[in-house]
Amino acid sequence: MRLNAGFTLLELLIVLSIMVLGYSAIAINFSSGNDTLALKAAARDIVSGLRYVRSQAMLSQKQKTLALNLKNNTYQLADQEKSYAIAEDIDVTVKTAKEDLDDGVAQLRFFPDGSSTGGRILLESHAYTQEININWLTGHVTLAQ
């Protein structure tokens, strides 16, 4: 009588297939998490830009704007030539005063007293949404999930 001292090739193949399926499920979950991370990062960057423009308006005692180009998903801070890109797979929607929308560019204005024209920016990617609100009276910028 001979004792089995190991595993058969079939048993090893079954275990390896189960491991591959498990790791592929984990990889799919990680990739969907990257979408939300990119969306949250873009929202935080825009919020930082808006707060920067507001502070510049208050410091310089002059009106300052953040220009958000909805056609090519970029935005530009007041008195800066550099454009900041938003990922292509993120849809950007802006709700603000009609006179601040011109040919696909939304001008989000801040005044010397800290107030603004107000508005709402919606960022959407797949099933995830980030909402940025700008209070017209105080100019306070908030990020709602």
C-alpha atoms as a PDB file:
ATOM      1  CA  MET A   1       0.000   0.000   0.000  1.00  0.00           C
ATOM      2  CA  ARG A   2       1.326   3.392  -1.055  1.00  0.00           C
ATOM      3  CA  LEU A   3       0.487   6.659   0.761  1.00  0.00           C
ATOM      4  CA  ASN A   4      -0.303   9.784  -1.261  1.00  0.00           C
ATOM      5  CA  ALA A   5       2.316  12.324  -0.341  1.00  0.00           C
ATOM      6  CA  GLY A   6       1.157  15.265  -2.520  1.00  0.00           C
ATOM      7  CA  PHE A   7      -1.558  16.817  -4.656  1.00  0.00           C
ATOM      8  CA  THR A   8      -2.640  15.791  -8.101  1.00  0.00           C
ATOM      9  CA  LEU A   9      -2.199  18.100 -11.050  1.00  0.00           C
ATOM     10  CA  LEU A  10      -5.965  18.510 -11.315  1.00  0.00           C
ATOM     11  CA  GLU A  11      -6.250  19.678  -7.692  1.00  0.00           C
ATOM     12  CA  LEU A  12      -3.496  22.250  -8.235  1.00  0.00           C
ATOM     13  CA  LEU A  13      -5.153  23.593 -11.397  1.00  0.00           C
ATOM     14  CA  ILE A  14      -8.497  23.985  -9.611  1.00  0.00           C
ATOM     15  CA  VAL A  15      -6.901  25.914  -6.735  1.00  0.00           C
ATOM     16  CA  LEU A  16      -4.970  28.162  -9.135  1.00  0.00           C
ATOM     17  CA  SER A  17      -8.142  28.914 -11.153  1.00  0.00           C
ATOM     18  CA  ILE A  18     -10.009  29.896  -7.991  1.00  0.00           C
ATOM     19  CA  MET A  19      -7.132  32.195  -7.001  1.00  0.00           C
ATOM     20  CA  VAL A  20      -7.089  33.863 -10.445  1.00  0.00           C
ATOM     21  CA  LEU A  21     -10.840  34.502 -10.254  1.00  0.00           C
ATOM     22  CA  GLY A  22     -10.468  35.972  -6.772  1.00  0.00           C
ATOM     23  CA  TYR A  23      -7.636  38.296  -7.778  1.00  0.00           C
ATOM     24  CA  SER A  24      -9.471  39.474 -10.894  1.00  0.00           C
ATOM     25  CA  ALA A  25     -12.517  40.391  -8.770  1.00  0.00           C
ATOM     26  CA  ILE A  26     -10.260  42.404  -6.469  1.00  0.00           C
ATOM     27  CA  ALA A  27      -8.664  44.180  -9.449  1.00  0.00           C
ATOM     28  CA  ILE A  28     -12.084  45.198 -10.769  1.00  0.00           C
ATOM     29  CA  ASN A  29     -12.986  46.696  -7.389  1.00  0.00           C
ATOM     30  CA  PHE A  30      -9.734  48.647  -7.290  1.00  0.00           C
ATOM     31  CA  SER A  31     -10.242  50.073 -10.769  1.00  0.00           C
ATOM     32  CA  SER A  32     -13.722  51.360  -9.897  1.00  0.00           C
ATOM     33  CA  GLY A  33     -12.216  52.955  -6.801  1.00  0.00           C
ATOM     34  CA  ASN A  34      -9.782  54.854  -9.029  1.00  0.00           C
ATOM     35  CA  ASP A  35     -12.733  56.503 -10.804  1.00  0.00           C
ATOM     36  CA  THR A  36     -14.052  57.901  -7.538  1.00  0.00           C
ATOM     37  CA  LEU A  37     -10.579  58.999  -6.464  1.00  0.00           C
ATOM     38  CA  ALA A  38     -10.057  60.912  -9.712  1.00  0.00           C
ATOM     39  CA  LEU A  39     -13.469  62.556  -9.361  1.00  0.00           C
ATOM     40  CA  LYS A  40     -12.851  63.562  -5.748  1.00  0.00           C
ATOM     41  CA  ALA A  41      -9.394  64.895  -6.608  1.00  0.00           C
ATOM     42  CA  ALA A  42     -10.799  67.013  -9.444  1.00  0.00           C
ATOM     43  CA  ALA A  43     -13.529  68.384  -7.163  1.00  0.00           C
ATOM     44  CA  ARG A  44     -10.998  69.254  -4.447  1.00  0.00           C
ATOM     45  CA  ASP A  45      -8.750  70.984  -7.004  1.00  0.00           C
ATOM     46  CA  ILE A  46     -11.613  73.132  -8.295  1.00  0.00           C
ATOM     47  CA  VAL A  47     -12.704  74.002  -4.742  1.00  0.00           C
ATOM     48  CA  SER A  48      -9.123  75.058  -3.953  1.00  0.00           C
ATOM     49  CA  GLY A  49      -9.028  77.165  -7.110  1.00  0.00           C
ATOM     50  CA  LEU A  50     -12.309  78.873  -6.234  1.00  0.00           C
ATOM     51  CA  ARG A  51     -11.134  79.631  -2.708  1.00  0.00           C
ATOM     52  CA  TYR A  52      -7.863  80.991  -4.087  1.00  0.00           C
ATOM     53  CA  VAL A  53      -9.699  83.314  -6.497  1.00  0.00           C
ATOM     54  CA  ARG A  54     -11.972  84.528  -3.678  1.00  0.00           C
ATOM     55  CA  SER A  55      -9.003  85.305  -1.449  1.00  0.00           C
ATOM     56  CA  GLN A  56      -7.248  87.119  -4.313  1.00  0.00           C
ATOM     57  CA  ALA A  57     -10.342  89.270  -4.869  1.00  0.00           C
ATOM     58  CA  MET A  58     -10.430  90.210  -1.195  1.00  0.00           C
ATOM     59  CA  LEU A  59      -6.681  90.886  -0.994  1.00  0.00           C
ATOM     60  CA  SER A  60      -6.448  92.970  -4.158  1.00  0.00           C
ATOM     61  CA  GLN A  61      -9.822  94.678  -3.618  1.00  0.00           C
ATOM     62  CA  LYS A  62     -10.658  93.904  -7.270  1.00  0.00           C
ATOM     63  CA  GLN A  63     -13.106  91.539  -8.925  1.00  0.00           C
ATOM     64  CA  LYS A  64     -11.494  88.187  -9.849  1.00  0.00           C
ATOM     65  CA  THR A  65     -12.809  85.261 -11.870  1.00  0.00           C
ATOM     66  CA  LEU A  66     -12.267  81.564 -12.372  1.00  0.00           C
ATOM     67  CA  ALA A  67     -12.952  80.676 -16.006  1.00  0.00           C
ATOM     68  CA  LEU A  68     -14.276  77.156 -16.480  1.00  0.00           C
ATOM     69  CA  ASN A  69     -14.155  75.982 -20.098  1.00  0.00           C
ATOM     70  CA  LEU A  70     -16.875  73.373 -20.502  1.00  0.00           C
ATOM     71  CA  LYS A  71     -15.844  72.406 -24.040  1.00  0.00           C
ATOM     72  CA  ASN A  72     -12.368  71.118 -23.244  1.00  0.00           C
ATOM     73  CA  ASN A  73     -12.669  70.449 -19.478  1.00  0.00           C
ATOM     74  CA  THR A  74     -10.165  73.019 -18.283  1.00  0.00           C
ATOM     75  CA  TYR A  75     -10.224  75.944 -15.887  1.00  0.00           C
ATOM     76  CA  GLN A  76      -8.077  79.015 -15.420  1.00  0.00           C
ATOM     77  CA  LEU A  77      -7.538  81.005 -12.246  1.00  0.00           C
ATOM     78  CA  ALA A  78      -7.657  84.790 -12.101  1.00  0.00           C
ATOM     79  CA  ASP A  79      -4.568  86.568 -13.487  1.00  0.00           C
ATOM     80  CA  GLN A  80      -2.873  83.279 -14.400  1.00  0.00           C
ATOM     81  CA  GLU A  81      -2.145  82.012 -17.877  1.00  0.00           C
ATOM     82  CA  LYS A  82      -1.895  78.343 -16.914  1.00  0.00           C
ATOM     83  CA  SER A  83      -4.929  76.166 -17.632  1.00  0.00           C
ATOM     84  CA  TYR A  84      -5.701  73.253 -15.335  1.00  0.00           C
ATOM     85  CA  ALA A  85      -7.140  70.125 -16.943  1.00  0.00           C
ATOM     86  CA  ILE A  86     -10.033  68.053 -15.683  1.00  0.00           C
ATOM     87  CA  ALA A  87     -10.045  64.391 -16.730  1.00  0.00           C
ATOM     88  CA  GLU A  88     -11.862  63.733 -20.011  1.00  0.00           C
ATOM     89  CA  ASP A  89     -14.186  61.126 -18.496  1.00  0.00           C
ATOM     90  CA  ILE A  90     -15.564  63.663 -16.004  1.00  0.00           C
ATOM     91  CA  ASP A  91     -18.650  65.569 -17.174  1.00  0.00           C
ATOM     92  CA  VAL A  92     -18.795  69.147 -15.886  1.00  0.00           C
ATOM     93  CA  THR A  93     -22.043  71.096 -15.555  1.00  0.00           C
ATOM     94  CA  VAL A  94     -22.233  74.685 -14.266  1.00  0.00           C
ATOM     95  CA  LYS A  95     -25.306  76.515 -13.025  1.00  0.00           C
ATOM     96  CA  THR A  96     -24.701  80.232 -12.654  1.00  0.00           C
ATOM     97  CA  ALA A  97     -25.998  83.592 -13.871  1.00  0.00           C
ATOM     98  CA  LYS A  98     -26.800  83.596 -17.587  1.00  0.00           C
ATOM     99  CA  GLU A  99     -24.546  86.586 -18.302  1.00  0.00           C
ATOM    100  CA  ASP A 100     -21.586  84.619 -16.893  1.00  0.00           C
ATOM    101  CA  LEU A 101     -21.931  81.875 -19.533  1.00  0.00           C
ATOM    102  CA  ASP A 102     -20.421  82.708 -22.903  1.00  0.00           C
ATOM    103  CA  ASP A 103     -19.667  80.206 -25.667  1.00  0.00           C
ATOM    104  CA  GLY A 104     -19.045  77.251 -23.356  1.00  0.00           C
ATOM    105  CA  VAL A 105     -17.002  79.229 -20.809  1.00  0.00           C
ATOM    106  CA  ALA A 106     -18.446  79.900 -17.351  1.00  0.00           C
ATOM    107  CA  GLN A 107     -17.005  82.900 -15.500  1.00  0.00           C
ATOM    108  CA  LEU A 108     -17.326  82.400 -11.738  1.00  0.00           C
ATOM    109  CA  ARG A 109     -16.802  85.893 -10.312  1.00  0.00           C
ATOM    110  CA  PHE A 110     -15.768  86.949  -6.814  1.00  0.00           C
ATOM    111  CA  PHE A 111     -15.991  90.517  -5.546  1.00  0.00           C
ATOM    112  CA  PRO A 112     -13.713  92.515  -3.190  1.00  0.00           C
ATOM    113  CA  ASP A 113     -16.062  92.015  -0.216  1.00  0.00           C
ATOM    114  CA  GLY A 114     -15.843  88.210  -0.616  1.00  0.00           C
ATOM    115  CA  SER A 115     -19.262  87.772  -2.210  1.00  0.00           C
ATOM    116  CA  SER A 116     -19.726  86.175  -5.612  1.00  0.00           C
ATOM    117  CA  THR A 117     -22.155  85.621  -8.442  1.00  0.00           C
ATOM    118  CA  GLY A 118     -22.795  82.216  -6.872  1.00  0.00           C
ATOM    119  CA  GLY A 119     -23.475  78.974  -8.616  1.00  0.00           C
ATOM    120  CA  ARG A 120     -23.180  75.232  -8.600  1.00  0.00           C
ATOM    121  CA  ILE A 121     -20.687  72.956 -10.334  1.00  0.00           C
ATOM    122  CA  LEU A 122     -21.567  69.297 -10.857  1.00  0.00           C
ATOM    123  CA  LEU A 123     -18.845  66.792 -11.658  1.00  0.00           C
ATOM    124  CA  GLU A 124     -20.024  63.376 -12.846  1.00  0.00           C
ATOM    125  CA  SER A 125     -18.071  60.275 -13.730  1.00  0.00           C
ATOM    126  CA  HIS A 126     -19.864  56.988 -14.353  1.00  0.00           C
ATOM    127  CA  ALA A 127     -22.304  56.636 -11.423  1.00  0.00           C
ATOM    128  CA  TYR A 128     -20.489  59.054  -9.094  1.00  0.00           C
ATOM    129  CA  THR A 129     -21.211  62.750  -8.546  1.00  0.00           C
ATOM    130  CA  GLN A 130     -19.509  65.607  -6.725  1.00  0.00           C
ATOM    131  CA  GLU A 131     -21.272  68.938  -6.208  1.00  0.00           C
ATOM    132  CA  ILE A 132     -19.543  72.255  -5.526  1.00  0.00           C
ATOM    133  CA  ASN A 133     -21.729  75.086  -4.225  1.00  0.00           C
ATOM    134  CA  ILE A 134     -20.779  78.761  -4.224  1.00  0.00           C
ATOM    135  CA  ASN A 135     -22.853  80.982  -1.939  1.00  0.00           C
ATOM    136  CA  TRP A 136     -23.612  84.251  -3.738  1.00  0.00           C
ATOM    137  CA  LEU A 137     -23.858  86.328  -0.558  1.00  0.00           C
ATOM    138  CA  THR A 138     -20.769  85.169   1.312  1.00  0.00           C
ATOM    139  CA  GLY A 139     -18.754  83.611  -1.531  1.00  0.00           C
ATOM    140  CA  HIS A 140     -18.247  80.560   0.675  1.00  0.00           C
ATOM    141  CA  VAL A 141     -17.315  77.458  -1.379  1.00  0.00           C
ATOM    142  CA  THR A 142     -18.473  74.040  -0.175  1.00  0.00           C
ATOM    143  CA  LEU A 143     -18.049  70.524  -1.514  1.00  0.00           C
ATOM    144  CA  ALA A 144     -21.091  68.268  -1.129  1.00  0.00           C
ATOM    145  CA  GLN A 145     -20.804  64.536  -1.732  1.00  0.00           C
END
